[in-house]
C-alpha atoms as a PDB file:
ATOM      1  CA  MET A   1      -0.210  -0.188  -0.214  1.00  0.00           C
ATOM      2  CA  LYS A   2       1.213   3.838  -0.719  1.00  0.00           C
ATOM      3  CA  LEU A   3       1.535   6.105   1.958  1.00  0.00           C
ATOM      4  CA  ALA A   4       0.781   9.875   1.001  1.00  0.00           C
ATOM      5  CA  ASN A   5       4.680  10.928   1.297  1.00  0.00           C
ATOM      6  CA  GLY A   6       5.433   8.078  -1.445  1.00  0.00           C
ATOM      7  CA  ASN A   7       6.774   5.548   0.852  1.00  0.00           C
ATOM      8  CA  TYR A   8       5.229   2.017   0.577  1.00  0.00           C
ATOM      9  CA  VAL A   9       3.637  -0.502   4.001  1.00  0.00           C
ATOM     10  CA  ARG A  10       3.097  -3.857   3.587  1.00  0.00           C
ATOM     11  CA  PRO A  11      -0.016  -4.777   4.823  1.00  0.00           C
ATOM     12  CA  THR A  12      -0.492  -6.515   7.525  1.00  0.00           C
ATOM     13  CA  ALA A  13      -2.235  -9.989   8.158  1.00  0.00           C
ATOM     14  CA  ARG A  14      -5.527 -10.312  10.190  1.00  0.00           C
ATOM     15  CA  PHE A  15      -6.159 -12.747  11.648  1.00  0.00           C
ATOM     16  CA  SER A  16      -9.145 -14.125   9.747  1.00  0.00           C
ATOM     17  CA  TRP A  17      -6.040 -14.218   6.731  1.00  0.00           C
ATOM     18  CA  TRP A  18      -7.858 -18.197   5.806  1.00  0.00           C
ATOM     19  CA  LEU A  19     -11.775 -16.965   5.501  1.00  0.00           C
ATOM     20  CA  SER A  20     -10.721 -14.724   2.023  1.00  0.00           C
ATOM     21  CA  LYS A  21     -10.240 -18.222   0.211  1.00  0.00           C
ATOM     22  CA  LYS A  22     -11.537 -21.495  -0.293  1.00  0.00           C
ATOM     23  CA  ASN A  23      -8.570 -22.918  -0.801  1.00  0.00           C
ATOM     24  CA  TYR A  24      -7.150 -22.064   2.261  1.00  0.00           C
ATOM     25  CA  PHE A  25     -10.422 -22.539   4.584  1.00  0.00           C
ATOM     26  CA  SER A  26     -10.284 -25.913   3.032  1.00  0.00           C
ATOM     27  CA  TYR A  27      -6.483 -26.032   4.123  1.00  0.00           C
ATOM     28  CA  MET A  28      -7.364 -24.682   7.633  1.00  0.00           C
ATOM     29  CA  MET A  29     -10.193 -27.077   8.446  1.00  0.00           C
ATOM     30  CA  ARG A  30      -8.323 -30.063   7.378  1.00  0.00           C
ATOM     31  CA  GLU A  31      -5.267 -28.863   9.964  1.00  0.00           C
ATOM     32  CA  LEU A  32      -8.500 -28.269  12.749  1.00  0.00           C
ATOM     33  CA  SER A  33      -9.940 -31.669  12.375  1.00  0.00           C
ATOM     34  CA  SER A  34      -6.599 -33.054  13.253  1.00  0.00           C
ATOM     35  CA  LEU A  35      -7.031 -31.457  16.647  1.00  0.00           C
ATOM     36  CA  PHE A  36     -10.454 -33.297  17.092  1.00  0.00           C
ATOM     37  CA  ILE A  37      -8.988 -36.585  16.293  1.00  0.00           C
ATOM     38  CA  GLY A  38      -6.175 -36.398  18.340  1.00  0.00           C
ATOM     39  CA  ILE A  39      -8.149 -35.754  20.716  1.00  0.00           C
ATOM     40  CA  PHE A  40     -10.777 -38.411  19.608  1.00  0.00           C
ATOM     41  CA  SER A  41      -7.210 -41.237  19.839  1.00  0.00           C
ATOM     42  CA  LEU A  42      -6.706 -39.599  23.057  1.00  0.00           C
ATOM     43  CA  ILE A  43      -9.894 -40.413  24.649  1.00  0.00           C
ATOM     44  CA  MET A  44      -9.383 -44.039  22.896  1.00  0.00           C
ATOM     45  CA  VAL A  45      -5.762 -44.416  24.488  1.00  0.00           C
ATOM     46  CA  TRP A  46      -7.736 -43.670  27.630  1.00  0.00           C
ATOM     47  CA  GLY A  47     -10.151 -46.477  26.983  1.00  0.00           C
ATOM     48  CA  LEU A  48      -7.073 -49.045  26.212  1.00  0.00           C
ATOM     49  CA  TYR A  49      -6.159 -48.140  29.818  1.00  0.00           C
ATOM     50  CA  GLN A  50      -9.143 -48.462  31.326  1.00  0.00           C
ATOM     51  CA  PHE A  51      -9.937 -52.221  29.801  1.00  0.00           C
ATOM     52  CA  SER A  52      -6.814 -53.116  31.620  1.00  0.00           C
ATOM     53  CA  GLN A  53      -7.503 -52.035  34.803  1.00  0.00           C
ATOM     54  CA  GLY A  54     -10.875 -54.397  34.831  1.00  0.00           C
ATOM     55  CA  GLU A  55     -14.218 -54.727  33.456  1.00  0.00           C
ATOM     56  CA  ALA A  56     -15.898 -52.304  36.179  1.00  0.00           C
ATOM     57  CA  ALA A  57     -13.788 -49.851  34.884  1.00  0.00           C
ATOM     58  CA  TYR A  58     -14.278 -50.094  31.607  1.00  0.00           C
ATOM     59  CA  ASN A  59     -17.891 -49.934  31.740  1.00  0.00           C
ATOM     60  CA  ALA A  60     -17.531 -46.961  33.867  1.00  0.00           C
ATOM     61  CA  TRP A  61     -15.840 -45.225  31.000  1.00  0.00           C
ATOM     62  CA  SER A  62     -17.749 -46.278  28.396  1.00  0.00           C
ATOM     63  CA  ASN A  63     -20.814 -45.102  29.976  1.00  0.00           C
ATOM     64  CA  ASN A  64     -19.748 -42.239  30.230  1.00  0.00           C
ATOM     65  CA  LEU A  65     -18.411 -41.930  26.020  1.00  0.00           C
ATOM     66  CA  TRP A  66     -21.991 -42.513  25.420  1.00  0.00           C
ATOM     67  CA  SER A  67     -23.156 -40.492  27.519  1.00  0.00           C
ATOM     68  CA  ASN A  68     -21.386 -37.183  27.509  1.00  0.00           C
ATOM     69  CA  LEU A  69     -19.160 -37.279  24.239  1.00  0.00           C
ATOM     70  CA  THR A  70     -21.195 -38.448  21.454  1.00  0.00           C
ATOM     71  CA  VAL A  71     -21.080 -35.201  19.943  1.00  0.00           C
ATOM     72  CA  LEU A  72     -17.133 -35.124  20.392  1.00  0.00           C
ATOM     73  CA  SER A  73     -17.213 -38.424  18.321  1.00  0.00           C
ATOM     74  CA  VAL A  74     -19.313 -37.444  15.283  1.00  0.00           C
ATOM     75  CA  LEU A  75     -17.985 -34.945  15.220  1.00  0.00           C
ATOM     76  CA  SER A  76     -14.607 -36.411  14.933  1.00  0.00           C
ATOM     77  CA  PHE A  77     -15.992 -39.175  12.425  1.00  0.00           C
ATOM     78  CA  CYS A  78     -16.693 -36.376  10.154  1.00  0.00           C
ATOM     79  CA  PHE A  79     -13.467 -34.589  10.277  1.00  0.00           C
ATOM     80  CA  ALA A  80     -12.095 -37.662   9.752  1.00  0.00           C
ATOM     81  CA  VAL A  81     -14.003 -38.403   6.817  1.00  0.00           C
ATOM     82  CA  TYR A  82     -13.071 -35.100   5.689  1.00  0.00           C
ATOM     83  CA  HIS A  83      -9.413 -35.357   6.530  1.00  0.00           C
ATOM     84  CA  SER A  84      -9.311 -38.361   4.509  1.00  0.00           C
ATOM     85  CA  PHE A  85     -10.951 -37.491   1.070  1.00  0.00           C
ATOM     86  CA  THR A  86      -9.247 -33.998   0.769  1.00  0.00           C
ATOM     87  CA  TRP A  87      -6.195 -36.399   1.652  1.00  0.00           C
ATOM     88  CA  PHE A  88      -6.922 -38.089  -0.887  1.00  0.00           C
ATOM     89  CA  VAL A  89      -7.522 -35.457  -3.682  1.00  0.00           C
ATOM     90  CA  VAL A  90      -3.706 -33.637  -2.347  1.00  0.00           C
ATOM     91  CA  THR A  91      -1.942 -37.552  -3.160  1.00  0.00           C
ATOM     92  CA  PRO A  92      -1.085 -36.918  -6.443  1.00  0.00           C
ATOM     93  CA  LYS A  93       0.522 -33.726  -5.853  1.00  0.00           C
ATOM     94  CA  ALA A  94       2.503 -35.345  -3.061  1.00  0.00           C
ATOM     95  CA  MET A  95       2.946 -38.746  -4.010  1.00  0.00           C
ATOM     96  CA  PRO A  96       3.532 -38.529  -8.057  1.00  0.00           C
ATOM     97  CA  LEU A  97       3.730 -41.914  -9.457  1.00  0.00           C
ATOM     98  CA  LYS A  98       5.505 -43.302 -12.872  1.00  0.00           C
ATOM     99  CA  PHE A  99       4.794 -46.488 -13.741  1.00  0.00           C
ATOM    100  CA  ALA A 100       6.965 -47.449 -17.177  1.00  0.00           C
ATOM    101  CA  GLY A 101       8.157 -44.252 -17.608  1.00  0.00           C
ATOM    102  CA  LYS A 102       5.116 -42.202 -17.298  1.00  0.00           C
ATOM    103  CA  ARG A 103       3.504 -40.355 -14.790  1.00  0.00           C
ATOM    104  CA  ILE A 104      -0.187 -41.696 -13.508  1.00  0.00           C
ATOM    105  CA  PRO A 105      -2.855 -39.463 -14.241  1.00  0.00           C
ATOM    106  CA  GLY A 106      -3.982 -37.760 -10.874  1.00  0.00           C
ATOM    107  CA  SER A 107      -7.871 -39.093 -11.123  1.00  0.00           C
ATOM    108  CA  ILE A 108      -6.577 -42.347 -11.234  1.00  0.00           C
ATOM    109  CA  ILE A 109      -4.611 -42.380  -8.223  1.00  0.00           C
ATOM    110  CA  ILE A 110      -7.876 -40.576  -6.148  1.00  0.00           C
ATOM    111  CA  ALA A 111      -9.786 -43.054  -7.437  1.00  0.00           C
ATOM    112  CA  ALA A 112      -7.787 -45.873  -6.473  1.00  0.00           C
ATOM    113  CA  HIS A 113      -7.283 -44.715  -2.892  1.00  0.00           C
ATOM    114  CA  MET A 114     -11.126 -44.255  -2.940  1.00  0.00           C
ATOM    115  CA  LEU A 115     -11.949 -47.484  -3.607  1.00  0.00           C
ATOM    116  CA  LEU A 116      -9.380 -49.111  -1.159  1.00  0.00           C
ATOM    117  CA  TRP A 117     -11.109 -46.645   0.950  1.00  0.00           C
ATOM    118  CA  MET A 118     -14.682 -47.759   0.312  1.00  0.00           C
ATOM    119  CA  GLY A 119     -13.096 -51.630   0.341  1.00  0.00           C
ATOM    120  CA  ALA A 120     -11.598 -51.600   3.398  1.00  0.00           C
ATOM    121  CA  THR A 121     -14.821 -49.886   5.207  1.00  0.00           C
ATOM    122  CA  ILE A 122     -16.904 -52.531   3.549  1.00  0.00           C
ATOM    123  CA  PHE A 123     -14.800 -55.331   4.874  1.00  0.00           C
ATOM    124  CA  VAL A 124     -14.477 -54.076   8.826  1.00  0.00           C
ATOM    125  CA  TRP A 125     -17.821 -53.400   8.571  1.00  0.00           C
ATOM    126  CA  VAL A 126     -19.137 -57.258   6.669  1.00  0.00           C
ATOM    127  CA  ALA A 127     -15.689 -58.785   9.893  1.00  0.00           C
ATOM    128  CA  PHE A 128     -17.954 -56.479  11.815  1.00  0.00           C
ATOM    129  CA  VAL A 129     -21.765 -57.487  11.072  1.00  0.00           C
ATOM    130  CA  TYR A 130     -21.289 -61.055  10.733  1.00  0.00           C
ATOM    131  CA  GLY A 131     -18.274 -61.742  12.553  1.00  0.00           C
ATOM    132  CA  GLY A 132     -19.483 -63.731  14.883  1.00  0.00           C
ATOM    133  CA  GLU A 133     -20.424 -65.633  11.946  1.00  0.00           C
ATOM    134  CA  LEU A 134     -18.158 -65.845   9.564  1.00  0.00           C
END
């Protein structure tokens, strides 16, 4: 920005700089998602510790989780899906692949990651639902 005396002053960054463009907003939401996923992971590790302390401690932790932390769990799940999806979209830039000397198009890399993600999700779901019957 040019002042009246002819000098230039660099504008200072505002706190809300990341709201100015969609790409900045997406980036900051992906970074924020790691905070929620980290908190949820710590809660799950605490649950493993409670599990090691016996059935009564684990049941108390589980009841507390379902009664008080349901919103955090749903929010963490939504952020995990968002984080995974946006990371898979960025993957071709972060990990360009070549096959037989030619670069693999980004759309194929993204599609392969999405299909593997869906396949793993279906596998885990089937194992959970039909695990005792298989």
